[in-house]
Amino acid sequence: MANTSSAKKAVRKMARKTVINKSRRSLVRSKLRSVEDAIASGDKEAAQTALKQAEPAMMRAVSNGVFHLNTGARKISRLNKRVKAIDA
């Protein structure tokens, strides 16, 4: 348990940020899952539409510090590659 007043405040701040980051992470995962589902169904139009919604959500999470920049870029790149490969 925190002993100093500054440590207690830090614990309170972390608790608030944890809730916010959890909701942001959940939103991004939902968007990525919709892209995965569209890819699995083989529907290129739906996959492209879902990817256009997932990419800004992922990059917003990156800018908010929920994900690392390289993680976001890697995930979007791999999904984009898989969406392009649907017709091939």
PDB file of N, CA and C in Angstrom:
ATOM      1  N   MET A   1       0.845  -1.184   0.000  1.00  0.00           N
ATOM      2  CA  MET A   1       0.000   0.000   0.000  1.00  0.00           C
ATOM      3  C   MET A   1       0.885   1.240   0.000  1.00  0.00           C
ATOM      4  N   ALA A   2       0.414   2.273  -0.659  1.00  0.00           N
ATOM      5  CA  ALA A   2       1.172   3.519  -0.755  1.00  0.00           C
ATOM      6  C   ALA A   2       1.230   4.212   0.602  1.00  0.00           C
ATOM      7  N   ASN A   3       2.382   4.775   0.921  1.00  0.00           N
ATOM      8  CA  ASN A   3       2.575   5.430   2.213  1.00  0.00           C
ATOM      9  C   ASN A   3       2.495   6.945   2.132  1.00  0.00           C
ATOM     10  N   THR A   4       3.080   7.534   1.110  1.00  0.00           N
ATOM     11  CA  THR A   4       3.103   8.988   1.009  1.00  0.00           C
ATOM     12  C   THR A   4       1.875   9.491   0.264  1.00  0.00           C
ATOM     13  N   SER A   5       1.588  10.762   0.455  1.00  0.00           N
ATOM     14  CA  SER A   5       0.413  11.334  -0.210  1.00  0.00           C
ATOM     15  C   SER A   5       0.597  11.349  -1.723  1.00  0.00           C
ATOM     16  N   SER A   6       1.820  11.572  -2.191  1.00  0.00           N
ATOM     17  CA  SER A   6       2.052  11.572  -3.635  1.00  0.00           C
ATOM     18  C   SER A   6       1.893  10.167  -4.220  1.00  0.00           C
ATOM     19  N   ALA A   7       2.295   9.158  -3.467  1.00  0.00           N
ATOM     20  CA  ALA A   7       2.131   7.781  -3.933  1.00  0.00           C
ATOM     21  C   ALA A   7       0.651   7.400  -3.962  1.00  0.00           C
ATOM     22  N   LYS A   8      -0.109   7.885  -2.969  1.00  0.00           N
ATOM     23  CA  LYS A   8      -1.552   7.615  -2.949  1.00  0.00           C
ATOM     24  C   LYS A   8      -2.237   8.274  -4.145  1.00  0.00           C
ATOM     25  N   LYS A   9      -1.811   9.492  -4.469  1.00  0.00           N
ATOM     26  CA  LYS A   9      -2.375  10.185  -5.625  1.00  0.00           C
ATOM     27  C   LYS A   9      -2.020   9.441  -6.905  1.00  0.00           C
ATOM     28  N   ALA A  10      -0.796   8.943  -6.995  1.00  0.00           N
ATOM     29  CA  ALA A  10      -0.375   8.193  -8.185  1.00  0.00           C
ATOM     30  C   ALA A  10      -1.219   6.941  -8.361  1.00  0.00           C
ATOM     31  N   VAL A  11      -1.555   6.276  -7.263  1.00  0.00           N
ATOM     32  CA  VAL A  11      -2.405   5.081  -7.321  1.00  0.00           C
ATOM     33  C   VAL A  11      -3.791   5.449  -7.843  1.00  0.00           C
ATOM     34  N   ARG A  12      -4.333   6.582  -7.362  1.00  0.00           N
ATOM     35  CA  ARG A  12      -5.650   7.017  -7.840  1.00  0.00           C
ATOM     36  C   ARG A  12      -5.613   7.337  -9.332  1.00  0.00           C
ATOM     37  N   LYS A  13      -4.550   8.016  -9.783  1.00  0.00           N
ATOM     38  CA  LYS A  13      -4.419   8.361 -11.199  1.00  0.00           C
ATOM     39  C   LYS A  13      -4.314   7.100 -12.056  1.00  0.00           C
ATOM     40  N   MET A  14      -3.524   6.132 -11.591  1.00  0.00           N
ATOM     41  CA  MET A  14      -3.372   4.884 -12.350  1.00  0.00           C
ATOM     42  C   MET A  14      -4.696   4.151 -12.467  1.00  0.00           C
ATOM     43  N   ALA A  15      -5.487   4.175 -11.403  1.00  0.00           N
ATOM     44  CA  ALA A  15      -6.779   3.500 -11.437  1.00  0.00           C
ATOM     45  C   ALA A  15      -7.702   4.133 -12.480  1.00  0.00           C
ATOM     46  N   ARG A  16      -7.691   5.479 -12.547  1.00  0.00           N
ATOM     47  CA  ARG A  16      -8.523   6.163 -13.556  1.00  0.00           C
ATOM     48  C   ARG A  16      -8.046   5.846 -14.963  1.00  0.00           C
ATOM     49  N   LYS A  17      -6.727   5.902 -15.189  1.00  0.00           N
ATOM     50  CA  LYS A  17      -6.185   5.655 -16.522  1.00  0.00           C
ATOM     51  C   LYS A  17      -6.392   4.205 -16.948  1.00  0.00           C
ATOM     52  N   THR A  18      -6.367   3.285 -15.988  1.00  0.00           N
ATOM     53  CA  THR A  18      -6.576   1.877 -16.300  1.00  0.00           C
ATOM     54  C   THR A  18      -7.954   1.657 -16.902  1.00  0.00           C
ATOM     55  N   VAL A  19      -8.953   2.296 -16.316  1.00  0.00           N
ATOM     56  CA  VAL A  19     -10.327   2.168 -16.830  1.00  0.00           C
ATOM     57  C   VAL A  19     -10.424   2.737 -18.237  1.00  0.00           C
ATOM     58  N   ILE A  20      -9.825   3.904 -18.451  1.00  0.00           N
ATOM     59  CA  ILE A  20      -9.875   4.551 -19.762  1.00  0.00           C
ATOM     60  C   ILE A  20      -9.148   3.705 -20.798  1.00  0.00           C
ATOM     61  N   ASN A  21      -7.946   3.243 -20.457  1.00  0.00           N
ATOM     62  CA  ASN A  21      -7.162   2.450 -21.403  1.00  0.00           C
ATOM     63  C   ASN A  21      -7.830   1.124 -21.713  1.00  0.00           C
ATOM     64  N   LYS A  22      -8.503   0.544 -20.729  1.00  0.00           N
ATOM     65  CA  LYS A  22      -9.195  -0.724 -20.951  1.00  0.00           C
ATOM     66  C   LYS A  22     -10.316  -0.550 -21.972  1.00  0.00           C
ATOM     67  N   SER A  23     -11.059   0.559 -21.870  1.00  0.00           N
ATOM     68  CA  SER A  23     -12.142   0.795 -22.820  1.00  0.00           C
ATOM     69  C   SER A  23     -11.598   1.081 -24.216  1.00  0.00           C
ATOM     70  N   ARG A  24     -10.489   1.836 -24.294  1.00  0.00           N
ATOM     71  CA  ARG A  24      -9.887   2.115 -25.605  1.00  0.00           C
ATOM     72  C   ARG A  24      -9.364   0.841 -26.248  1.00  0.00           C
ATOM     73  N   ARG A  25      -8.715  -0.015 -25.449  1.00  0.00           N
ATOM     74  CA  ARG A  25      -8.181  -1.280 -25.960  1.00  0.00           C
ATOM     75  C   ARG A  25      -9.315  -2.183 -26.440  1.00  0.00           C
ATOM     76  N   SER A  26     -10.410  -2.197 -25.700  1.00  0.00           N
ATOM     77  CA  SER A  26     -11.565  -3.003 -26.064  1.00  0.00           C
ATOM     78  C   SER A  26     -12.166  -2.533 -27.385  1.00  0.00           C
ATOM     79  N   LEU A  27     -12.268  -1.221 -27.565  1.00  0.00           N
ATOM     80  CA  LEU A  27     -12.805  -0.667 -28.809  1.00  0.00           C
ATOM     81  C   LEU A  27     -11.950  -1.077 -30.002  1.00  0.00           C
ATOM     82  N   VAL A  28     -10.637  -0.957 -29.855  1.00  0.00           N
ATOM     83  CA  VAL A  28      -9.726  -1.312 -30.950  1.00  0.00           C
ATOM     84  C   VAL A  28      -9.824  -2.797 -31.262  1.00  0.00           C
ATOM     85  N   ARG A  29      -9.865  -3.620 -30.238  1.00  0.00           N
ATOM     86  CA  ARG A  29      -9.955  -5.062 -30.463  1.00  0.00           C
ATOM     87  C   ARG A  29     -11.247  -5.432 -31.174  1.00  0.00           C
ATOM     88  N   SER A  30     -12.342  -4.747 -30.851  1.00  0.00           N
ATOM     89  CA  SER A  30     -13.608  -4.999 -31.532  1.00  0.00           C
ATOM     90  C   SER A  30     -13.507  -4.644 -33.017  1.00  0.00           C
ATOM     91  N   LYS A  31     -12.878  -3.510 -33.307  1.00  0.00           N
ATOM     92  CA  LYS A  31     -12.715  -3.092 -34.707  1.00  0.00           C
ATOM     93  C   LYS A  31     -11.837  -4.094 -35.464  1.00  0.00           C
ATOM     94  N   LEU A  32     -10.744  -4.529 -34.833  1.00  0.00           N
ATOM     95  CA  LEU A  32      -9.862  -5.494 -35.483  1.00  0.00           C
ATOM     96  C   LEU A  32     -10.572  -6.825 -35.693  1.00  0.00           C
ATOM     97  N   ARG A  33     -11.404  -7.218 -34.741  1.00  0.00           N
ATOM     98  CA  ARG A  33     -12.145  -8.469 -34.865  1.00  0.00           C
ATOM     99  C   ARG A  33     -13.122  -8.404 -36.032  1.00  0.00           C
ATOM    100  N   SER A  34     -13.729  -7.230 -36.260  1.00  0.00           N
ATOM    101  CA  SER A  34     -14.662  -7.106 -37.386  1.00  0.00           C
ATOM    102  C   SER A  34     -13.921  -7.269 -38.710  1.00  0.00           C
ATOM    103  N   VAL A  35     -12.681  -6.786 -38.788  1.00  0.00           N
ATOM    104  CA  VAL A  35     -11.874  -6.982 -39.998  1.00  0.00           C
ATOM    105  C   VAL A  35     -11.559  -8.463 -40.156  1.00  0.00           C
ATOM    106  N   GLU A  36     -11.164  -9.111 -39.066  1.00  0.00           N
ATOM    107  CA  GLU A  36     -10.845 -10.546 -39.104  1.00  0.00           C
ATOM    108  C   GLU A  36     -12.049 -11.360 -39.572  1.00  0.00           C
ATOM    109  N   ASP A  37     -13.228 -11.026 -39.073  1.00  0.00           N
ATOM    110  CA  ASP A  37     -14.441 -11.748 -39.463  1.00  0.00           C
ATOM    111  C   ASP A  37     -14.738 -11.567 -40.946  1.00  0.00           C
ATOM    112  N   ALA A  38     -14.566 -10.353 -41.437  1.00  0.00           N
ATOM    113  CA  ALA A  38     -14.812 -10.082 -42.857  1.00  0.00           C
ATOM    114  C   ALA A  38     -13.809 -10.830 -43.731  1.00  0.00           C
ATOM    115  N   ILE A  39     -12.564 -10.903 -43.292  1.00  0.00           N
ATOM    116  CA  ILE A  39     -11.544 -11.645 -44.035  1.00  0.00           C
ATOM    117  C   ILE A  39     -11.894 -13.129 -44.053  1.00  0.00           C
ATOM    118  N   ALA A  40     -12.319 -13.643 -42.899  1.00  0.00           N
ATOM    119  CA  ALA A  40     -12.664 -15.066 -42.802  1.00  0.00           C
ATOM    120  C   ALA A  40     -13.858 -15.421 -43.694  1.00  0.00           C
ATOM    121  N   SER A  41     -14.792 -14.491 -43.827  1.00  0.00           N
ATOM    122  CA  SER A  41     -15.953 -14.751 -44.672  1.00  0.00           C
ATOM    123  C   SER A  41     -15.628 -14.594 -46.161  1.00  0.00           C
ATOM    124  N   GLY A  42     -14.508 -13.959 -46.466  1.00  0.00           N
ATOM    125  CA  GLY A  42     -14.096 -13.780 -47.859  1.00  0.00           C
ATOM    126  C   GLY A  42     -14.741 -12.592 -48.547  1.00  0.00           C
ATOM    127  N   ASP A  43     -15.379 -11.725 -47.795  1.00  0.00           N
ATOM    128  CA  ASP A  43     -16.052 -10.554 -48.354  1.00  0.00           C
ATOM    129  C   ASP A  43     -15.069  -9.384 -48.383  1.00  0.00           C
ATOM    130  N   LYS A  44     -14.538  -9.096 -49.578  1.00  0.00           N
ATOM    131  CA  LYS A  44     -13.508  -8.062 -49.689  1.00  0.00           C
ATOM    132  C   LYS A  44     -14.052  -6.673 -49.400  1.00  0.00           C
ATOM    133  N   GLU A  45     -15.265  -6.372 -49.865  1.00  0.00           N
ATOM    134  CA  GLU A  45     -15.857  -5.050 -49.626  1.00  0.00           C
ATOM    135  C   GLU A  45     -16.034  -4.793 -48.130  1.00  0.00           C
ATOM    136  N   ALA A  46     -16.577  -5.773 -47.427  1.00  0.00           N
ATOM    137  CA  ALA A  46     -16.790  -5.624 -45.989  1.00  0.00           C
ATOM    138  C   ALA A  46     -15.451  -5.507 -45.257  1.00  0.00           C
ATOM    139  N   ALA A  47     -14.464  -6.264 -45.723  1.00  0.00           N
ATOM    140  CA  ALA A  47     -13.143  -6.227 -45.099  1.00  0.00           C
ATOM    141  C   ALA A  47     -12.500  -4.848 -45.283  1.00  0.00           C
ATOM    142  N   GLN A  48     -12.629  -4.281 -46.482  1.00  0.00           N
ATOM    143  CA  GLN A  48     -12.052  -2.961 -46.724  1.00  0.00           C
ATOM    144  C   GLN A  48     -12.759  -1.889 -45.891  1.00  0.00           C
ATOM    145  N   THR A  49     -14.070  -1.989 -45.797  1.00  0.00           N
ATOM    146  CA  THR A  49     -14.830  -1.033 -44.992  1.00  0.00           C
ATOM    147  C   THR A  49     -14.439  -1.131 -43.518  1.00  0.00           C
ATOM    148  N   ALA A  50     -14.337  -2.356 -43.025  1.00  0.00           N
ATOM    149  CA  ALA A  50     -13.958  -2.564 -41.621  1.00  0.00           C
ATOM    150  C   ALA A  50     -12.538  -2.085 -41.375  1.00  0.00           C
ATOM    151  N   LEU A  51     -11.651  -2.296 -42.338  1.00  0.00           N
ATOM    152  CA  LEU A  51     -10.262  -1.851 -42.187  1.00  0.00           C
ATOM    153  C   LEU A  51     -10.182  -0.328 -42.149  1.00  0.00           C
ATOM    154  N   LYS A  52     -11.018   0.349 -42.959  1.00  0.00           N
ATOM    155  CA  LYS A  52     -11.026   1.812 -42.955  1.00  0.00           C
ATOM    156  C   LYS A  52     -11.503   2.367 -41.613  1.00  0.00           C
ATOM    157  N   GLN A  53     -12.298   1.598 -40.877  1.00  0.00           N
ATOM    158  CA  GLN A  53     -12.729   2.024 -39.549  1.00  0.00           C
ATOM    159  C   GLN A  53     -11.718   1.624 -38.483  1.00  0.00           C
ATOM    160  N   ALA A  54     -11.051   0.493 -38.689  1.00  0.00           N
ATOM    161  CA  ALA A  54     -10.116  -0.025 -37.680  1.00  0.00           C
ATOM    162  C   ALA A  54      -8.817   0.765 -37.653  1.00  0.00           C
ATOM    163  N   GLU A  55      -8.349   1.203 -38.824  1.00  0.00           N
ATOM    164  CA  GLU A  55      -7.056   1.888 -38.883  1.00  0.00           C
ATOM    165  C   GLU A  55      -7.024   3.176 -38.054  1.00  0.00           C
ATOM    166  N   PRO A  56      -7.990   4.102 -38.219  1.00  0.00           N
ATOM    167  CA  PRO A  56      -7.933   5.303 -37.388  1.00  0.00           C
ATOM    168  C   PRO A  56      -8.118   5.009 -35.898  1.00  0.00           C
ATOM    169  N   ALA A  57      -8.928   3.997 -35.581  1.00  0.00           N
ATOM    170  CA  ALA A  57      -9.126   3.645 -34.174  1.00  0.00           C
ATOM    171  C   ALA A  57      -7.812   3.159 -33.565  1.00  0.00           C
ATOM    172  N   MET A  58      -7.087   2.340 -34.318  1.00  0.00           N
ATOM    173  CA  MET A  58      -5.802   1.826 -33.834  1.00  0.00           C
ATOM    174  C   MET A  58      -4.798   2.964 -33.678  1.00  0.00           C
ATOM    175  N   MET A  59      -4.739   3.864 -34.653  1.00  0.00           N
ATOM    176  CA  MET A  59      -3.772   4.957 -34.577  1.00  0.00           C
ATOM    177  C   MET A  59      -4.123   5.958 -33.466  1.00  0.00           C
ATOM    178  N   ARG A  60      -5.424   6.133 -33.178  1.00  0.00           N
ATOM    179  CA  ARG A  60      -5.815   6.969 -32.039  1.00  0.00           C
ATOM    180  C   ARG A  60      -5.344   6.335 -30.734  1.00  0.00           C
ATOM    181  N   ALA A  61      -5.478   5.014 -30.639  1.00  0.00           N
ATOM    182  CA  ALA A  61      -5.013   4.308 -29.441  1.00  0.00           C
ATOM    183  C   ALA A  61      -3.501   4.423 -29.314  1.00  0.00           C
ATOM    184  N   VAL A  62      -2.794   4.384 -30.445  1.00  0.00           N
ATOM    185  CA  VAL A  62      -1.335   4.552 -30.423  1.00  0.00           C
ATOM    186  C   VAL A  62      -0.982   5.948 -29.924  1.00  0.00           C
ATOM    187  N   SER A  63      -1.675   6.959 -30.419  1.00  0.00           N
ATOM    188  CA  SER A  63      -1.356   8.332 -30.007  1.00  0.00           C
ATOM    189  C   SER A  63      -1.708   8.574 -28.544  1.00  0.00           C
ATOM    190  N   ASN A  64      -2.670   7.806 -28.012  1.00  0.00           N
ATOM    191  CA  ASN A  64      -3.022   7.930 -26.600  1.00  0.00           C
ATOM    192  C   ASN A  64      -2.141   7.068 -25.704  1.00  0.00           C
ATOM    193  N   GLY A  65      -1.245   6.297 -26.295  1.00  0.00           N
ATOM    194  CA  GLY A  65      -0.316   5.505 -25.505  1.00  0.00           C
ATOM    195  C   GLY A  65      -0.839   4.154 -25.085  1.00  0.00           C
ATOM    196  N   VAL A  66      -1.938   3.700 -25.668  1.00  0.00           N
ATOM    197  CA  VAL A  66      -2.483   2.394 -25.314  1.00  0.00           C
ATOM    198  C   VAL A  66      -1.650   1.290 -25.959  1.00  0.00           C
ATOM    199  N   PHE A  67      -1.230   1.508 -27.202  1.00  0.00           N
ATOM    200  CA  PHE A  67      -0.381   0.571 -27.934  1.00  0.00           C
ATOM    201  C   PHE A  67       0.885   1.299 -28.371  1.00  0.00           C
ATOM    202  N   HIS A  68       1.940   0.541 -28.577  1.00  0.00           N
ATOM    203  CA  HIS A  68       3.179   1.100 -29.113  1.00  0.00           C
ATOM    204  C   HIS A  68       2.980   1.400 -30.591  1.00  0.00           C
ATOM    205  N   LEU A  69       3.698   2.385 -31.107  1.00  0.00           N
ATOM    206  CA  LEU A  69       3.581   2.793 -32.506  1.00  0.00           C
ATOM    207  C   LEU A  69       3.846   1.626 -33.450  1.00  0.00           C
ATOM    208  N   ASN A  70       4.905   0.876 -33.200  1.00  0.00           N
ATOM    209  CA  ASN A  70       5.240  -0.235 -34.085  1.00  0.00           C
ATOM    210  C   ASN A  70       4.187  -1.336 -34.035  1.00  0.00           C
ATOM    211  N   THR A  71       3.575  -1.544 -32.898  1.00  0.00           N
ATOM    212  CA  THR A  71       2.518  -2.549 -32.773  1.00  0.00           C
ATOM    213  C   THR A  71       1.333  -2.167 -33.641  1.00  0.00           C
ATOM    214  N   GLY A  72       0.932  -0.910 -33.571  1.00  0.00           N
ATOM    215  CA  GLY A  72      -0.187  -0.449 -34.382  1.00  0.00           C
ATOM    216  C   GLY A  72       0.113  -0.545 -35.862  1.00  0.00           C
ATOM    217  N   ALA A  73       1.307  -0.120 -36.256  1.00  0.00           N
ATOM    218  CA  ALA A  73       1.681  -0.164 -37.667  1.00  0.00           C
ATOM    219  C   ALA A  73       1.745  -1.605 -38.159  1.00  0.00           C
ATOM    220  N   ARG A  74       2.286  -2.496 -37.340  1.00  0.00           N
ATOM    221  CA  ARG A  74       2.409  -3.901 -37.723  1.00  0.00           C
ATOM    222  C   ARG A  74       1.041  -4.546 -37.916  1.00  0.00           C
ATOM    223  N   LYS A  75       0.125  -4.306 -36.980  1.00  0.00           N
ATOM    224  CA  LYS A  75      -1.204  -4.908 -37.065  1.00  0.00           C
ATOM    225  C   LYS A  75      -1.967  -4.400 -38.299  1.00  0.00           C
ATOM    226  N   ILE A  76      -1.918  -3.101 -38.539  1.00  0.00           N
ATOM    227  CA  ILE A  76      -2.619  -2.527 -39.687  1.00  0.00           C
ATOM    228  C   ILE A  76      -1.994  -3.034 -40.988  1.00  0.00           C
ATOM    229  N   SER A  77      -0.681  -3.101 -41.036  1.00  0.00           N
ATOM    230  CA  SER A  77       0.009  -3.574 -42.229  1.00  0.00           C
ATOM    231  C   SER A  77      -0.372  -5.020 -42.552  1.00  0.00           C
ATOM    232  N   ARG A  78      -0.371  -5.864 -41.542  1.00  0.00           N
ATOM    233  CA  ARG A  78      -0.697  -7.275 -41.764  1.00  0.00           C
ATOM    234  C   ARG A  78      -2.149  -7.467 -42.170  1.00  0.00           C
ATOM    235  N   LEU A  79      -3.056  -6.684 -41.564  1.00  0.00           N
ATOM    236  CA  LEU A  79      -4.460  -6.783 -41.958  1.00  0.00           C
ATOM    237  C   LEU A  79      -4.654  -6.298 -43.395  1.00  0.00           C
ATOM    238  N   ASN A  80      -3.983  -5.204 -43.745  1.00  0.00           N
ATOM    239  CA  ASN A  80      -4.082  -4.667 -45.096  1.00  0.00           C
ATOM    240  C   ASN A  80      -3.606  -5.696 -46.121  1.00  0.00           C
ATOM    241  N   LYS A  81      -2.519  -6.358 -45.798  1.00  0.00           N
ATOM    242  CA  LYS A  81      -1.966  -7.380 -46.675  1.00  0.00           C
ATOM    243  C   LYS A  81      -2.953  -8.544 -46.855  1.00  0.00           C
ATOM    244  N   ARG A  82      -3.612  -8.926 -45.756  1.00  0.00           N
ATOM    245  CA  ARG A  82      -4.572 -10.028 -45.839  1.00  0.00           C
ATOM    246  C   ARG A  82      -5.835  -9.637 -46.598  1.00  0.00           C
ATOM    247  N   VAL A  83      -6.251  -8.374 -46.472  1.00  0.00           N
ATOM    248  CA  VAL A  83      -7.435  -7.908 -47.204  1.00  0.00           C
ATOM    249  C   VAL A  83      -7.142  -7.900 -48.701  1.00  0.00           C
ATOM    250  N   LYS A  84      -5.941  -7.435 -49.078  1.00  0.00           N
ATOM    251  CA  LYS A  84      -5.573  -7.417 -50.501  1.00  0.00           C
ATOM    252  C   LYS A  84      -5.477  -8.821 -51.079  1.00  0.00           C
ATOM    253  N   ALA A  85      -5.169  -9.811 -50.246  1.00  0.00           N
ATOM    254  CA  ALA A  85      -4.969 -11.177 -50.740  1.00  0.00           C
ATOM    255  C   ALA A  85      -6.281 -11.952 -50.856  1.00  0.00           C
ATOM    256  N   ILE A  86      -7.425 -11.342 -50.538  1.00  0.00           N
ATOM    257  CA  ILE A  86      -8.697 -12.066 -50.579  1.00  0.00           C
ATOM    258  C   ILE A  86      -9.012 -12.538 -51.987  1.00  0.00           C
ATOM    259  N   ASP A  87      -8.876 -11.680 -52.989  1.00  0.00           N
ATOM    260  CA  ASP A  87      -9.199 -12.064 -54.365  1.00  0.00           C
ATOM    261  C   ASP A  87      -8.183 -13.013 -54.974  1.00  0.00           C
ATOM    262  N   ALA A  88      -6.933 -12.876 -54.569  1.00  0.00           N
ATOM    263  CA  ALA A  88      -5.860 -13.654 -55.191  1.00  0.00           C
ATOM    264  C   ALA A  88      -5.932 -15.128 -54.898  1.00  0.00           C
TER     265      ALA A  88
END
